Each structure stands twice: as structure tokens, then as C-alpha cells.
Amino acid sequence: MATQKLNSPLDIESLIAAIRREALARGDSEPFHQHTEVMLRGAREARSGRRGPPQRVESLQDWMPCHGGVFLTSAYRTLLLREPDPEGLRTFLLKMADGRLARWEVAGRLRLSSEGRARRVHVDGLLLGFALAVAYRVPVFGPVLALIARLVCLPPYLQDHARDDRLIAQLLAADR
């Protein structure tokens, strides 16, 4: 992806094309989850307030189409039962864009924080998704585990999407 495109505002079609090019360059047969394209097309609407993030989700799978600020706002609302604070939102967005945290790691950290433990909110699959997201980062073991997850056909929300999460977070940050 050309760096000059990241310095200017990108339209949604450019974002989707960039994701597809990057994924195909990596050799992925499925560039990103099927709902991601819908999310990218609706990202501007969500940021403008016309279409906001889900208020609450019941399972990890419900968060698959959500990325960036939309995901974080929904995670805060679901797990902490409040709106995100600007500092927490900024910190998590930067860490996701840098690839230091994947979405399920962020959700797991929110749920396992003292505030999250006090709220006792249950989201189906969150703890397993969090554990797998952390395990996927372990050198040598993580990539092997990710391969096994694909071979045994784990549901998409339990497979390793860290690279896609990072790419989408970077593209959404560049589009601001």
C-alpha cells in the first residue's frame, strides 16, 4: 500500500481495496471476515453519529464486524456499562493500530480489569477468545496454534485475526 495514500483522506472503497491487496500479498485466500466490508462501509456513519456501535453484545461473535472506535465503544458499553473515557479510547486505539493488542485482548483486559470484574458482565466466548488471542502471540507456539485453529475449523471469531485487526485499525486511523 502506498504511503502517500495514508497521508490523505481515504474513501471506503480505497480502504477495502487496500485491505484486499494487503491480504492477497500475504497469501490469504479470505482477505478478511465477511462482515468487515460492511463495517468499513458504515464506519463513517458510526463516527458521525448516524449509526452507532452496538449498545451491548451477547457473544464474541457479535463483535466480529466491529473494529476501531466502534468496537471499543461497544466493548466499554457492554463490559463496563459506561461510555469510554477519551484517554482509554485513545490508548487502546493506538495499541491496536500498532499491533500491540488485538480486539479480543482489549475486550479481555476490560473484562478482567477491577471495574470489569465488579460489573460481572458475561459475554459468551470472551475468556476463550482472550486466552487464544494471547496464546497466538507466543513465539513459535502461537503460529502453530493458529494453524491448528484453522485446520480444526474453529469458528472465525476464535481464529487469529491479529494482522487483519492491525491493518483495519491503521486504515481507520488514517481515514480520520
Protein backbone atom coordinates (compact mmCIF):
# COMPACT_ATOMS: atom_id res chain seq x y z
CA MET A 1 0.00 0.00 0.00
CA ALA A 2 1.45 3.37 -0.98
CA THR A 3 2.29 5.64 1.93
CA GLN A 4 1.09 8.75 0.11
CA LYS A 5 -2.46 7.40 0.29
CA LEU A 6 -2.27 7.27 4.10
CA ASN A 7 -1.48 11.00 4.25
CA SER A 8 -4.72 11.99 2.52
CA PRO A 9 -8.29 11.10 3.43
CA LEU A 10 -9.28 7.72 2.04
CA ASP A 11 -12.70 6.76 0.85
CA ILE A 12 -14.24 3.47 1.93
CA GLU A 13 -13.64 1.84 -1.45
CA SER A 14 -9.93 2.67 -1.17
CA LEU A 15 -9.82 1.16 2.33
CA ILE A 16 -11.44 -2.05 1.15
CA ALA A 17 -9.15 -2.26 -1.88
CA ALA A 18 -6.09 -1.69 0.33
CA ILE A 19 -7.16 -4.45 2.71
CA ARG A 20 -7.71 -6.86 -0.16
CA ARG A 21 -4.32 -6.02 -1.73
CA GLU A 22 -2.50 -6.47 1.58
CA ALA A 23 -4.29 -9.74 2.36
CA LEU A 24 -3.65 -11.14 -1.11
CA ALA A 25 0.01 -10.11 -0.89
CA ARG A 26 0.22 -12.15 2.33
CA GLY A 27 -1.32 -15.11 0.54
CA ASP A 28 -4.66 -15.08 2.38
CA SER A 29 -7.46 -16.67 0.39
CA GLU A 30 -10.04 -14.81 2.50
CA PRO A 31 -8.75 -11.25 2.98
CA PHE A 32 -10.93 -10.52 5.99
CA HIS A 33 -14.09 -11.59 7.71
CA GLN A 34 -17.19 -11.21 5.53
CA HIS A 35 -18.74 -8.64 7.87
CA THR A 36 -15.66 -6.39 7.82
CA GLU A 37 -16.57 -4.88 4.47
CA VAL A 38 -19.99 -3.92 5.83
CA MET A 39 -18.32 -2.41 8.90
CA LEU A 40 -15.89 -0.36 6.81
CA ARG A 41 -18.69 0.99 4.67
CA GLY A 42 -20.57 2.02 7.82
CA ALA A 43 -17.53 3.39 9.70
CA ARG A 44 -18.10 6.99 8.66
CA GLU A 45 -21.76 6.78 9.62
CA ALA A 46 -20.83 5.44 13.05
CA ARG A 47 -18.27 8.21 13.62
CA SER A 48 -20.75 10.87 12.52
CA GLY A 49 -23.35 9.53 14.95
CA ARG A 50 -25.81 8.38 12.29
CA ARG A 51 -25.17 4.74 13.09
CA GLY A 52 -23.51 3.94 16.38
CA PRO A 53 -21.86 0.82 17.73
CA PRO A 54 -23.92 -1.96 19.29
CA GLN A 55 -25.00 -1.00 22.79
CA ARG A 56 -24.44 -4.50 24.19
CA VAL A 57 -23.39 -7.80 22.75
CA GLU A 58 -24.15 -11.29 24.00
CA SER A 59 -21.29 -13.23 22.38
CA LEU A 60 -17.83 -12.63 20.98
CA GLN A 61 -19.16 -13.42 17.52
CA ASP A 62 -21.36 -10.29 17.69
CA TRP A 63 -18.18 -8.17 17.72
CA MET A 64 -16.69 -9.68 14.54
CA PRO A 65 -17.85 -6.85 12.25
CA CYS A 66 -16.72 -4.15 14.72
CA HIS A 67 -13.29 -2.57 14.57
CA GLY A 68 -11.52 0.53 15.85
CA GLY A 69 -13.56 3.07 17.78
CA VAL A 70 -16.83 1.29 17.01
CA PHE A 71 -15.52 -1.89 18.65
CA LEU A 72 -14.04 -0.04 21.63
CA THR A 73 -17.19 1.97 22.30
CA SER A 74 -19.26 -1.21 22.18
CA ALA A 75 -16.79 -3.06 24.43
CA TYR A 76 -16.87 -0.30 27.04
CA ARG A 77 -20.66 -0.17 26.93
CA THR A 78 -21.00 -3.93 27.17
CA LEU A 79 -18.28 -4.81 29.67
CA LEU A 80 -18.00 -1.70 31.83
CA LEU A 81 -21.58 -0.44 31.35
CA ARG A 82 -20.38 3.07 30.53
CA GLU A 83 -19.09 5.24 27.73
CA PRO A 84 -15.34 5.05 27.06
CA ASP A 85 -13.14 7.72 28.56
CA PRO A 86 -11.11 9.68 25.96
CA GLU A 87 -7.75 8.56 27.35
CA GLY A 88 -8.67 4.86 27.42
CA LEU A 89 -10.14 5.08 23.93
CA ARG A 90 -7.02 6.80 22.55
CA THR A 91 -4.64 4.38 24.29
CA PHE A 92 -6.42 1.25 23.08
CA LEU A 93 -6.81 2.61 19.53
CA LEU A 94 -3.06 3.31 19.35
CA LYS A 95 -2.16 -0.12 20.73
CA MET A 96 -4.49 -1.82 18.26
CA ALA A 97 -3.09 0.21 15.33
CA ASP A 98 0.47 -0.62 16.43
CA GLY A 99 -0.40 -4.31 16.63
CA ARG A 100 0.38 -4.46 20.35
CA LEU A 101 -3.17 -5.59 21.17
CA ALA A 102 -5.84 -7.44 19.22
CA ARG A 103 -9.54 -6.78 19.73
CA TRP A 104 -10.11 -9.83 21.94
CA GLU A 105 -7.12 -8.85 24.09
CA VAL A 106 -8.63 -5.41 24.63
CA ALA A 107 -12.03 -6.91 25.47
CA GLY A 108 -10.40 -9.41 27.84
CA ARG A 109 -8.42 -6.68 29.57
CA LEU A 110 -11.55 -4.59 30.02
CA ARG A 111 -13.49 -7.56 31.40
CA LEU A 112 -10.65 -8.64 33.73
CA SER A 113 -9.96 -5.11 35.00
CA SER A 114 -11.15 -4.35 38.53
CA GLU A 115 -14.04 -2.33 37.08
CA GLY A 116 -14.96 -5.16 34.69
CA ARG A 117 -14.81 -7.79 37.44
CA ALA A 118 -17.07 -5.62 39.60
CA ARG A 119 -19.65 -5.41 36.77
CA ARG A 120 -19.62 -9.22 36.26
CA VAL A 121 -20.85 -8.98 32.67
CA HIS A 122 -20.80 -12.26 30.77
CA VAL A 123 -20.07 -12.38 27.03
CA ASP A 124 -20.13 -15.87 25.53
CA GLY A 125 -16.71 -16.92 24.28
CA LEU A 126 -14.83 -13.88 25.62
CA LEU A 127 -12.48 -15.67 28.00
CA LEU A 128 -11.64 -18.36 25.43
CA GLY A 129 -11.15 -15.70 22.73
CA PHE A 130 -8.94 -13.67 25.07
CA ALA A 131 -6.86 -16.73 26.01
CA LEU A 132 -6.40 -17.71 22.36
CA ALA A 133 -5.53 -14.14 21.30
CA VAL A 134 -2.80 -14.05 23.96
CA ALA A 135 -1.59 -17.55 23.03
CA TYR A 136 -1.39 -16.62 19.33
CA ARG A 137 1.30 -14.07 20.26
CA VAL A 138 3.67 -16.62 21.84
CA PRO A 139 6.69 -17.11 19.57
CA VAL A 140 6.73 -20.44 17.68
CA PHE A 141 3.75 -21.82 19.64
CA GLY A 142 1.36 -19.04 18.53
CA PRO A 143 1.64 -19.58 14.76
CA VAL A 144 1.38 -23.34 15.26
CA LEU A 145 -1.74 -22.84 17.38
CA ALA A 146 -3.20 -20.51 14.74
CA LEU A 147 -2.62 -23.18 12.07
CA ILE A 148 -4.25 -25.83 14.24
CA ALA A 149 -7.23 -23.49 14.85
CA ARG A 150 -7.73 -23.21 11.08
CA LEU A 151 -7.25 -26.94 10.48
CA VAL A 152 -9.83 -27.96 13.09
CA CYS A 153 -12.16 -25.27 11.74
CA LEU A 154 -12.60 -23.23 14.90
CA PRO A 155 -15.24 -20.54 14.40
CA PRO A 156 -13.79 -17.42 12.70
CA TYR A 157 -14.07 -15.34 15.87
CA LEU A 158 -11.70 -17.76 17.65
CA GLN A 159 -9.06 -17.80 14.90
CA ASP A 160 -6.07 -15.48 14.74
CA HIS A 161 -7.12 -12.14 13.22
CA ALA A 162 -4.34 -10.02 14.75
CA ARG A 163 -2.90 -8.98 11.37
CA ASP A 164 -6.29 -8.06 9.99
CA ASP A 165 -7.18 -6.19 13.19
CA ARG A 166 -3.94 -4.21 12.96
CA LEU A 167 -4.40 -3.38 9.28
CA ILE A 168 -8.00 -2.26 9.74
CA ALA A 169 -7.08 -0.18 12.80
CA GLN A 170 -4.33 1.56 10.80
CA LEU A 171 -6.63 2.21 7.85
CA LEU A 172 -9.39 3.58 10.07
CA ALA A 173 -6.88 5.81 11.90
CA ALA A 174 -5.56 7.13 8.57
CA ASP A 175 -9.11 7.90 7.40
CA ARG A 176 -9.80 10.30 10.28
